[in-house]
Amino acid sequence: MGEAGSLAGRVALVTGSGRNIGRATILEIARMGADVVVNSRSNRDEAESVADEARALGARAMVVVGVGDIAQVDAMVEVAIAEFGRVDILVNNAGLHKAKPFVDMTVEDWREVNGVTWTGRSTTARQSSPE
């Protein structure tokens, strides 16, 4: 675990942070003093629960739902910057898999998986890079 307060004044956005590894990452970052943006692909209640846990640790926290396409990622970054003024830390944790063999995946399945895993990441990097 990191030293409490070592991220004070920072803002972190963690995609896919409504549960599991993303939740643990948000809580550790909040414990270290950063404010956090909790993101879930679709489950607002899960994300709000994680945000409440982060607030209990003393962090400011907000929730943004959606990460599967460019428009959602652009909106997520804009909302985070509007709320906190900037994003200092980005953790690309979101991922999606279909519980079926690859050969049974439809083109729509493939697009959905790639939208969360790849498109969201490349768009976020574009938003964060200096111009």
Protein backbone atom coordinates (compact mmCIF):
# COMPACT_ATOMS: atom_id res chain seq x y z
CA MET A 1 0.00 0.00 0.00
CA GLY A 2 1.10 3.54 -0.72
CA GLU A 3 1.75 6.21 1.85
CA ALA A 4 -1.39 8.09 2.94
CA GLY A 5 -1.45 11.57 1.47
CA SER A 6 1.18 10.85 -1.18
CA LEU A 7 -1.36 11.60 -3.93
CA ALA A 8 -2.99 14.56 -2.21
CA GLY A 9 -4.21 17.14 -4.68
CA ARG A 10 -4.22 14.69 -7.59
CA VAL A 11 -7.21 13.45 -9.59
CA ALA A 12 -7.43 9.86 -10.82
CA LEU A 13 -9.77 8.33 -13.38
CA VAL A 14 -10.01 4.55 -13.36
CA THR A 15 -12.06 2.90 -16.10
CA GLY A 16 -13.95 -0.22 -15.12
CA SER A 17 -13.78 0.68 -11.44
CA GLY A 18 -17.22 -0.42 -10.29
CA ARG A 19 -15.89 -3.73 -8.95
CA ASN A 20 -12.96 -6.13 -8.65
CA ILE A 21 -9.49 -4.78 -9.59
CA GLY A 22 -10.85 -1.37 -10.59
CA ARG A 23 -12.65 -0.97 -7.25
CA ALA A 24 -9.52 -1.92 -5.32
CA THR A 25 -7.49 0.55 -7.41
CA ILE A 26 -9.93 3.40 -6.74
CA LEU A 27 -9.92 2.70 -3.01
CA GLU A 28 -6.13 2.56 -2.79
CA ILE A 29 -5.76 5.78 -4.77
CA ALA A 30 -8.39 7.45 -2.54
CA ARG A 31 -6.58 6.14 0.56
CA MET A 32 -3.44 7.82 -0.77
CA GLY A 33 -5.27 11.16 -0.93
CA ALA A 34 -6.36 11.60 -4.55
CA ASP A 35 -9.84 12.55 -5.69
CA VAL A 36 -11.34 9.91 -7.95
CA VAL A 37 -13.54 9.37 -10.98
CA VAL A 38 -15.27 6.01 -10.71
CA ASN A 39 -16.30 4.53 -14.05
CA SER A 40 -18.56 1.63 -14.90
CA ARG A 41 -19.61 0.50 -18.34
CA SER A 42 -23.29 0.29 -17.31
CA ASN A 43 -23.87 -0.33 -13.59
CA ARG A 44 -24.38 3.04 -11.89
CA ASP A 45 -25.35 1.50 -8.53
CA GLU A 46 -22.07 -0.45 -8.31
CA ALA A 47 -20.07 2.64 -9.23
CA GLU A 48 -21.95 4.82 -6.73
CA SER A 49 -21.18 2.27 -4.00
CA VAL A 50 -17.45 2.49 -4.80
CA ALA A 51 -17.64 6.30 -4.87
CA ASP A 52 -19.26 6.22 -1.42
CA GLU A 53 -16.42 4.03 -0.14
CA ALA A 54 -13.87 6.48 -1.57
CA ARG A 55 -15.68 9.42 0.06
CA ALA A 56 -15.56 7.58 3.39
CA LEU A 57 -11.76 7.59 2.96
CA GLY A 58 -11.82 11.38 2.56
CA ALA A 59 -11.66 11.63 -1.24
CA ARG A 60 -13.94 13.65 -3.45
CA ALA A 61 -15.50 11.16 -5.85
CA MET A 62 -17.75 11.24 -8.88
CA VAL A 63 -19.27 8.57 -11.10
CA VAL A 64 -19.34 8.42 -14.88
CA VAL A 65 -21.11 5.55 -16.63
CA GLY A 66 -20.02 4.41 -20.10
CA VAL A 67 -16.70 3.60 -21.73
CA GLY A 68 -17.54 1.59 -24.84
CA ASP A 69 -17.26 4.15 -27.60
CA ILE A 70 -15.46 7.34 -28.50
CA ALA A 71 -18.37 9.64 -27.62
CA GLN A 72 -18.71 8.10 -24.14
CA VAL A 73 -14.99 8.38 -23.46
CA ASP A 74 -14.87 11.99 -24.67
CA ALA A 75 -17.84 12.82 -22.42
CA MET A 76 -16.22 11.04 -19.46
CA VAL A 77 -13.05 13.10 -19.79
CA GLU A 78 -15.00 16.35 -20.22
CA VAL A 79 -17.16 15.69 -17.13
CA ALA A 80 -14.11 14.77 -15.04
CA ILE A 81 -12.29 17.94 -16.06
CA ALA A 82 -15.41 20.06 -15.46
CA GLU A 83 -15.74 18.62 -11.94
CA PHE A 84 -12.09 18.46 -10.84
CA GLY A 85 -10.25 20.75 -13.26
CA ARG A 86 -7.93 18.07 -14.60
CA VAL A 87 -7.05 14.38 -14.62
CA ASP A 88 -3.54 13.57 -13.36
CA ILE A 89 -3.74 9.78 -13.24
CA LEU A 90 -5.40 7.46 -15.72
CA VAL A 91 -5.78 3.72 -15.15
CA ASN A 92 -7.18 1.89 -18.19
CA ASN A 93 -8.75 -1.02 -16.37
CA ALA A 94 -12.01 -1.55 -18.31
CA GLY A 95 -12.33 -4.78 -20.17
CA LEU A 96 -15.06 -6.95 -21.55
CA HIS A 97 -15.28 -10.55 -22.64
CA LYS A 98 -18.08 -12.61 -24.05
CA ALA A 99 -18.71 -15.97 -22.39
CA LYS A 100 -18.66 -17.88 -25.65
CA PRO A 101 -16.05 -19.34 -27.97
CA PHE A 102 -14.43 -16.89 -30.37
CA VAL A 103 -15.85 -18.71 -33.40
CA ASP A 104 -19.37 -18.11 -32.04
CA MET A 105 -18.90 -14.36 -31.60
CA THR A 106 -20.93 -12.11 -33.86
CA VAL A 107 -19.51 -8.99 -35.47
CA GLU A 108 -21.52 -6.97 -32.91
CA ASP A 109 -19.95 -8.99 -30.05
CA TRP A 110 -16.51 -8.26 -31.50
CA ARG A 111 -17.23 -4.54 -31.83
CA GLU A 112 -18.54 -4.33 -28.27
CA VAL A 113 -15.47 -6.07 -26.80
CA ASN A 114 -13.11 -3.89 -28.81
CA GLY A 115 -15.08 -0.73 -28.04
CA VAL A 116 -14.49 -1.17 -24.32
CA THR A 117 -10.99 -2.62 -24.48
CA TRP A 118 -9.35 -0.63 -27.30
CA THR A 119 -11.39 2.34 -28.49
CA GLY A 120 -11.85 3.74 -25.01
CA ARG A 121 -8.14 3.48 -24.35
CA SER A 122 -6.94 5.13 -27.55
CA THR A 123 -9.46 7.95 -27.26
CA THR A 124 -8.51 8.60 -23.66
CA ALA A 125 -4.83 8.76 -24.61
CA ARG A 126 -5.67 11.20 -27.39
CA GLN A 127 -7.56 13.43 -24.95
CA SER A 128 -4.68 13.42 -22.49
CA SER A 129 -1.79 13.99 -24.90
CA PRO A 130 -0.29 17.46 -25.30
CA GLU A 131 -1.17 19.24 -28.53
